[in-house]
C-alpha cells in the first residue's frame, strides 16, 4: 500500500499499461483453449456454424451437450489411451529424475579426466533433432524387443540432457561446506547425496519432472512409430486416429478429446509452477 501511494503518476500509468498488455497477451493465449472447450460442447454440425462473424455463440454453445465426451469414452475407448499415457508419463518422470539427479550430481560435484568433454557431449546430444536419430532409435528399440511396450515409449527419454544440465547447475549452487561437514561426521558419498544434496534440489527436481511430464504427455511421432498395438497407444496418437482416411473429421469428438488431454498438464502445472520458476532461476537459465 505504501509503495502504491508513493508511486508517481507516470509510474501508475506504466503499471496500468503493463497490466493491460499482460491481460491482452493472456486473452490471446487463452483464446484457442476457450474455443476448443466451447466446440467440444457443441454437435459437430455446429462447431463452425458460429465461427464468423464472432458472437457469444462462438464461445458459449447455445445448446451445450456432453455427447462428444460420452462418445470418445464409450466408442473410441479414450479412457484406455489416457491410462496408457499416464503409465508412460509416470514411469518416464520417475526414471528421468533418478537418472538426471545422479548424473547432475556427478557433473556438478566432481572433476575427473574427460568430465568436461563428457558433459559437452551430453549437451550436444540435446541439440540433435529427433528426426535425425529416429530410425537408429527405432532399430535399437526393435532389437531390444521393446516395440509395442510401455518401456519402449519412455526408456529412450529418461537420460534428459536438459534435466542433467538443470541439476548440475543447482548442485553447483549448494555450498561445498555442507559436503565437508557431512564428511567430517563420517557420512559416505551416497549418504551425502541422499540426505544433504537431494533435499536442496527439490525445486530443480520438480522442474525436471515437469519438463519430462510435458514432453512425455505430448509425444506423438515416437509412439506412432514404436507402438502399433491400439491397446498400447497414447492419447496424442489416439486423437489423430479418430478420423478415418477419406472422411471428414468428427470435430466435436476431436475437441472433446483434446480438452480432456489438456487437463492433466494444466493441473500439474498449476500445482508446480512456483517450483518450476524457482528451479529455472537457480539453474541459471533465466534471461
Protein backbone atom coordinates (compact mmCIF):
# COMPACT_ATOMS: atom_id res chain seq x y z
CA UNK A 1 0.00 0.00 0.00
CA UNK A 2 2.82 2.37 0.92
CA UNK A 3 4.61 1.71 -2.38
CA UNK A 4 1.40 2.23 -4.32
CA UNK A 5 0.67 5.58 -2.63
CA UNK A 6 4.28 6.67 -3.14
CA UNK A 7 4.21 5.90 -6.88
CA UNK A 8 4.33 8.88 -9.20
CA UNK A 9 1.53 9.44 -11.76
CA UNK A 10 3.89 8.28 -14.51
CA UNK A 11 4.64 5.03 -12.68
CA UNK A 12 0.93 4.36 -12.12
CA UNK A 13 0.25 4.87 -15.83
CA UNK A 14 3.07 2.47 -16.75
CA UNK A 15 1.77 -0.14 -14.32
CA UNK A 16 -1.77 0.09 -15.66
CA UNK A 17 -0.46 -0.05 -19.23
CA UNK A 18 1.60 -3.11 -18.31
CA UNK A 19 -1.47 -4.75 -16.76
CA UNK A 20 -3.48 -4.09 -19.94
CA UNK A 21 -0.72 -5.59 -22.10
CA UNK A 22 -0.47 -8.68 -19.86
CA UNK A 23 -4.25 -9.08 -19.94
CA UNK A 24 -4.23 -8.84 -23.75
CA UNK A 25 -1.46 -11.45 -24.02
CA UNK A 26 -3.37 -13.73 -21.63
CA UNK A 27 -6.52 -13.43 -23.75
CA UNK A 28 -4.57 -14.22 -26.93
CA UNK A 29 -3.03 -17.34 -25.39
CA UNK A 30 -6.27 -18.42 -23.71
CA UNK A 31 -8.43 -17.88 -26.83
CA UNK A 32 -7.64 -21.24 -28.55
CA UNK A 33 -8.37 -23.17 -25.35
CA UNK A 34 -11.66 -21.36 -24.81
CA UNK A 35 -12.71 -22.05 -28.39
CA UNK A 36 -11.64 -25.69 -28.09
CA UNK A 37 -13.65 -26.16 -24.90
CA UNK A 38 -16.72 -24.44 -26.36
CA UNK A 39 -16.52 -26.53 -29.55
CA UNK A 40 -16.29 -29.73 -27.51
CA UNK A 41 -19.72 -28.92 -26.07
CA UNK A 42 -21.35 -28.50 -29.49
CA UNK A 43 -22.57 -31.08 -32.01
CA UNK A 44 -20.11 -31.47 -34.89
CA UNK A 45 -22.54 -29.71 -37.25
CA UNK A 46 -22.44 -26.58 -35.05
CA UNK A 47 -18.68 -26.35 -34.48
CA UNK A 48 -18.06 -23.93 -37.36
CA UNK A 49 -21.62 -22.65 -37.65
CA UNK A 50 -20.99 -19.67 -35.36
CA UNK A 51 -17.33 -19.09 -36.23
CA UNK A 52 -17.88 -16.00 -38.35
CA UNK A 53 -18.83 -13.35 -37.50
CA UNK A 54 -17.76 -13.77 -33.88
CA UNK A 55 -20.59 -13.67 -31.37
CA UNK A 56 -21.36 -15.02 -27.92
CA UNK A 57 -22.44 -18.27 -29.61
CA UNK A 58 -18.85 -18.75 -30.78
CA UNK A 59 -17.68 -19.26 -27.19
CA UNK A 60 -20.91 -20.23 -25.40
CA UNK A 61 -22.74 -23.16 -27.02
CA UNK A 62 -26.46 -22.30 -27.49
CA UNK A 63 -27.37 -25.92 -26.74
CA UNK A 64 -24.45 -27.43 -24.79
CA UNK A 65 -24.11 -31.19 -24.81
CA UNK A 66 -21.76 -33.76 -23.31
CA UNK A 67 -22.46 -36.25 -26.09
CA UNK A 68 -18.97 -35.81 -27.57
CA UNK A 69 -17.35 -36.72 -24.24
CA UNK A 70 -19.62 -39.76 -23.89
CA UNK A 71 -18.73 -40.86 -27.41
CA UNK A 72 -14.94 -40.71 -27.01
CA UNK A 73 -15.07 -42.86 -23.88
CA UNK A 74 -17.79 -45.32 -24.97
CA UNK A 75 -17.00 -45.77 -28.68
CA UNK A 76 -13.34 -44.77 -29.07
CA UNK A 77 -12.02 -46.24 -25.80
CA UNK A 78 -10.28 -42.98 -24.91
CA UNK A 79 -10.05 -43.99 -21.25
CA UNK A 80 -7.58 -46.73 -22.18
CA UNK A 81 -5.45 -44.22 -24.07
CA UNK A 82 -5.44 -41.89 -21.06
CA UNK A 83 -4.32 -44.75 -18.84
CA UNK A 84 -1.55 -45.65 -21.29
CA UNK A 85 -0.28 -42.07 -21.34
CA UNK A 86 -0.45 -41.88 -17.55
CA UNK A 87 1.62 -45.06 -17.15
CA UNK A 88 4.21 -43.87 -19.66
CA UNK A 89 4.50 -40.39 -18.17
CA UNK A 90 4.76 -41.56 -14.55
CA UNK A 91 7.50 -44.07 -15.43
CA UNK A 92 9.30 -41.51 -17.57
CA UNK A 93 9.19 -38.81 -14.90
CA UNK A 94 10.41 -41.07 -12.09
CA UNK A 95 13.28 -42.56 -14.09
CA UNK A 96 14.24 -39.19 -15.58
CA UNK A 97 14.53 -37.65 -12.11
CA UNK A 98 16.64 -40.59 -10.89
CA UNK A 99 19.00 -40.53 -13.87
CA UNK A 100 19.31 -36.74 -14.08
CA UNK A 101 19.82 -36.36 -10.31
CA UNK A 102 22.68 -38.87 -10.31
CA UNK A 103 24.35 -37.55 -13.45
CA UNK A 104 23.85 -33.90 -12.45
CA UNK A 105 25.36 -34.56 -9.01
CA UNK A 106 28.47 -36.16 -10.50
CA UNK A 107 28.95 -33.42 -13.10
CA UNK A 108 28.31 -30.69 -10.53
CA UNK A 109 30.50 -32.00 -7.72
CA UNK A 110 33.37 -33.97 -9.22
CA UNK A 111 36.14 -33.24 -11.69
CA UNK A 112 37.78 -36.20 -13.38
CA UNK A 113 39.66 -36.70 -16.61
CA UNK A 114 37.34 -36.06 -19.52
CA UNK A 115 34.45 -34.80 -17.38
CA UNK A 116 34.17 -31.53 -19.34
CA UNK A 117 34.25 -33.35 -22.67
CA UNK A 118 31.70 -35.87 -21.45
CA UNK A 119 29.37 -33.12 -20.25
CA UNK A 120 29.80 -31.27 -23.56
CA UNK A 121 28.84 -34.43 -25.45
CA UNK A 122 25.73 -34.78 -23.28
CA UNK A 123 24.72 -31.23 -24.10
CA UNK A 124 25.46 -31.61 -27.82
CA UNK A 125 23.11 -34.59 -27.90
CA UNK A 126 20.26 -32.32 -26.82
CA UNK A 127 20.68 -30.24 -29.99
CA UNK A 128 20.33 -33.18 -32.39
CA UNK A 129 16.82 -33.18 -33.92
CA UNK A 130 14.73 -36.23 -33.16
CA UNK A 131 14.19 -36.83 -36.89
CA UNK A 132 17.94 -37.49 -37.24
CA UNK A 133 18.05 -40.25 -34.62
CA UNK A 134 14.54 -41.54 -35.19
CA UNK A 135 15.49 -44.51 -37.39
CA UNK A 136 18.51 -45.68 -35.32
CA UNK A 137 16.42 -45.33 -32.16
CA UNK A 138 13.68 -47.47 -33.65
CA UNK A 139 16.19 -50.14 -34.78
CA UNK A 140 17.69 -50.32 -31.28
CA UNK A 141 14.25 -50.47 -29.69
CA UNK A 142 13.17 -53.22 -32.07
CA UNK A 143 16.34 -55.25 -31.44
CA UNK A 144 15.72 -54.99 -27.71
CA UNK A 145 12.15 -56.21 -28.36
CA UNK A 146 10.70 -53.10 -26.75
CA UNK A 147 8.34 -52.11 -29.57
CA UNK A 148 4.67 -52.27 -28.61
CA UNK A 149 5.65 -51.96 -24.94
CA UNK A 150 5.38 -49.16 -22.39
CA UNK A 151 9.12 -49.38 -21.74
CA UNK A 152 9.82 -48.72 -25.40
CA UNK A 153 7.91 -45.46 -25.11
CA UNK A 154 9.66 -43.95 -22.10
CA UNK A 155 13.12 -45.54 -21.81
CA UNK A 156 14.67 -43.61 -24.74
CA UNK A 157 13.87 -40.31 -22.97
CA UNK A 158 14.95 -40.86 -19.36
CA UNK A 159 18.52 -39.59 -19.98
CA UNK A 160 17.41 -35.99 -20.48
CA UNK A 161 20.29 -33.61 -21.31
CA UNK A 162 18.35 -30.51 -20.24
CA UNK A 163 17.46 -32.21 -16.97
CA UNK A 164 21.10 -33.12 -16.32
CA UNK A 165 22.09 -29.52 -17.02
CA UNK A 166 19.45 -28.15 -14.62
CA UNK A 167 20.50 -30.50 -11.82
CA UNK A 168 24.20 -29.81 -12.40
CA UNK A 169 23.66 -26.06 -12.16
CA UNK A 170 21.61 -26.42 -8.99
CA UNK A 171 24.20 -28.73 -7.40
CA UNK A 172 26.88 -26.11 -8.01
CA UNK A 173 24.75 -23.58 -6.11
CA UNK A 174 24.83 -25.75 -2.96
CA UNK A 175 27.79 -24.79 -0.71
CA UNK A 176 30.53 -27.42 -0.63
CA UNK A 177 30.86 -26.75 3.09
CA UNK A 178 27.76 -28.91 3.57
CA UNK A 179 29.57 -31.85 1.93
CA UNK A 180 32.65 -31.22 4.03
CA UNK A 181 30.62 -31.06 7.24
CA UNK A 182 28.90 -34.32 6.32
CA UNK A 183 32.29 -35.94 5.59
CA UNK A 184 33.61 -34.85 8.99
CA UNK A 185 30.58 -36.54 10.58
CA UNK A 186 31.50 -39.72 8.74
CA UNK A 187 28.84 -39.60 6.01
CA UNK A 188 29.55 -41.55 2.84
CA UNK A 189 29.15 -40.05 -0.63
CA UNK A 190 25.83 -41.84 -1.06
CA UNK A 191 24.52 -40.61 2.30
CA UNK A 192 25.65 -37.06 1.48
CA UNK A 193 23.85 -37.27 -1.85
CA UNK A 194 20.62 -38.60 -0.37
CA UNK A 195 20.45 -36.62 2.89
CA UNK A 196 22.25 -33.37 2.00
CA UNK A 197 22.11 -32.78 -1.74
CA UNK A 198 18.71 -34.14 -2.76
CA UNK A 199 16.66 -32.13 -0.21
CA UNK A 200 18.27 -28.95 -1.54
CA UNK A 201 17.47 -29.93 -5.13
CA UNK A 202 13.69 -30.09 -4.66
CA UNK A 203 12.82 -27.14 -6.99
CA UNK A 204 15.19 -28.41 -9.69
CA UNK A 205 13.91 -31.99 -9.38
CA UNK A 206 10.31 -30.84 -9.67
CA UNK A 207 11.26 -28.69 -12.66
CA UNK A 208 12.87 -31.66 -14.38
CA UNK A 209 9.83 -33.75 -13.56
CA UNK A 210 7.50 -31.13 -15.01
CA UNK A 211 9.55 -30.78 -18.20
CA UNK A 212 9.65 -34.56 -18.57
CA UNK A 213 5.91 -34.86 -17.94
CA UNK A 214 5.03 -32.26 -20.56
CA UNK A 215 7.37 -33.84 -23.12
CA UNK A 216 6.10 -37.36 -22.40
CA UNK A 217 2.44 -36.40 -22.47
CA UNK A 218 2.78 -34.54 -25.78
CA UNK A 219 4.74 -37.28 -27.55
CA UNK A 220 3.24 -38.08 -30.93
CA UNK A 221 5.80 -39.16 -33.54
CA UNK A 222 7.72 -41.67 -31.40
CA UNK A 223 4.59 -43.51 -30.12
CA UNK A 224 3.28 -43.52 -33.68
CA UNK A 225 6.43 -45.36 -34.78
CA UNK A 226 7.16 -47.57 -31.78
CA UNK A 227 3.65 -48.78 -31.00
CA UNK A 228 1.31 -50.49 -33.44
CA UNK A 229 -0.91 -52.15 -30.84
CA UNK A 230 -4.07 -49.97 -30.43
CA UNK A 231 -4.38 -51.11 -26.82
CA UNK A 232 -0.94 -49.57 -26.00
CA UNK A 233 -1.45 -46.33 -27.91
CA UNK A 234 -1.26 -42.95 -26.11
CA UNK A 235 -3.70 -40.04 -26.23
CA UNK A 236 -1.97 -37.87 -28.84
CA UNK A 237 -1.89 -40.66 -31.42
CA UNK A 238 -5.37 -41.82 -30.47
CA UNK A 239 -6.81 -38.36 -31.17
CA UNK A 240 -5.23 -38.40 -34.63
CA UNK A 241 -6.87 -41.76 -35.38
CA UNK A 242 -10.39 -40.55 -34.61
CA UNK A 243 -10.81 -39.63 -38.29
CA UNK A 244 -10.88 -42.37 -40.88
CA UNK A 245 -8.96 -41.72 -44.15
CA UNK A 246 -11.16 -40.09 -46.79
CA UNK A 247 -13.78 -38.94 -44.28
CA UNK A 248 -14.41 -35.56 -42.71
CA UNK A 249 -13.10 -35.19 -39.13
CA UNK A 250 -15.56 -35.62 -36.31
CA UNK A 251 -14.71 -32.23 -34.89
CA UNK A 252 -16.87 -32.49 -31.80
CA UNK A 253 -15.16 -35.67 -30.63
CA UNK A 254 -11.73 -34.30 -31.57
CA UNK A 255 -12.20 -31.17 -29.49
CA UNK A 256 -13.62 -33.17 -26.59
CA UNK A 257 -10.61 -35.50 -26.62
CA UNK A 258 -8.20 -32.56 -26.89
CA UNK A 259 -9.92 -30.85 -23.94
CA UNK A 260 -9.62 -33.97 -21.79
CA UNK A 261 -5.99 -34.44 -22.84
CA UNK A 262 -5.13 -30.89 -21.77
CA UNK A 263 -6.50 -31.23 -18.24
CA UNK A 264 -3.71 -33.33 -16.61
CA UNK A 265 -0.94 -30.98 -17.74
CA UNK A 266 -2.87 -27.89 -16.63
CA UNK A 267 -3.44 -29.38 -13.18
CA UNK A 268 0.20 -30.44 -12.79
CA UNK A 269 1.48 -27.05 -13.93
CA UNK A 270 -0.84 -25.11 -11.62
CA UNK A 271 0.45 -27.08 -8.61
CA UNK A 272 4.13 -26.98 -9.58
CA UNK A 273 4.53 -23.62 -11.30
CA UNK A 274 6.25 -21.94 -8.33
CA UNK A 275 8.77 -24.77 -8.10
CA UNK A 276 9.29 -24.59 -11.87
CA UNK A 277 10.13 -20.88 -11.69
CA UNK A 278 12.49 -21.40 -8.73
CA UNK A 279 14.16 -24.29 -10.49
CA UNK A 280 14.75 -22.31 -13.67
CA UNK A 281 16.09 -19.33 -11.70
CA UNK A 282 18.51 -21.38 -9.58
CA UNK A 283 19.76 -23.23 -12.64
CA UNK A 284 20.92 -20.01 -14.31
CA UNK A 285 18.58 -20.45 -17.31
CA UNK A 286 16.79 -17.15 -16.71
CA UNK A 287 17.16 -14.32 -19.22
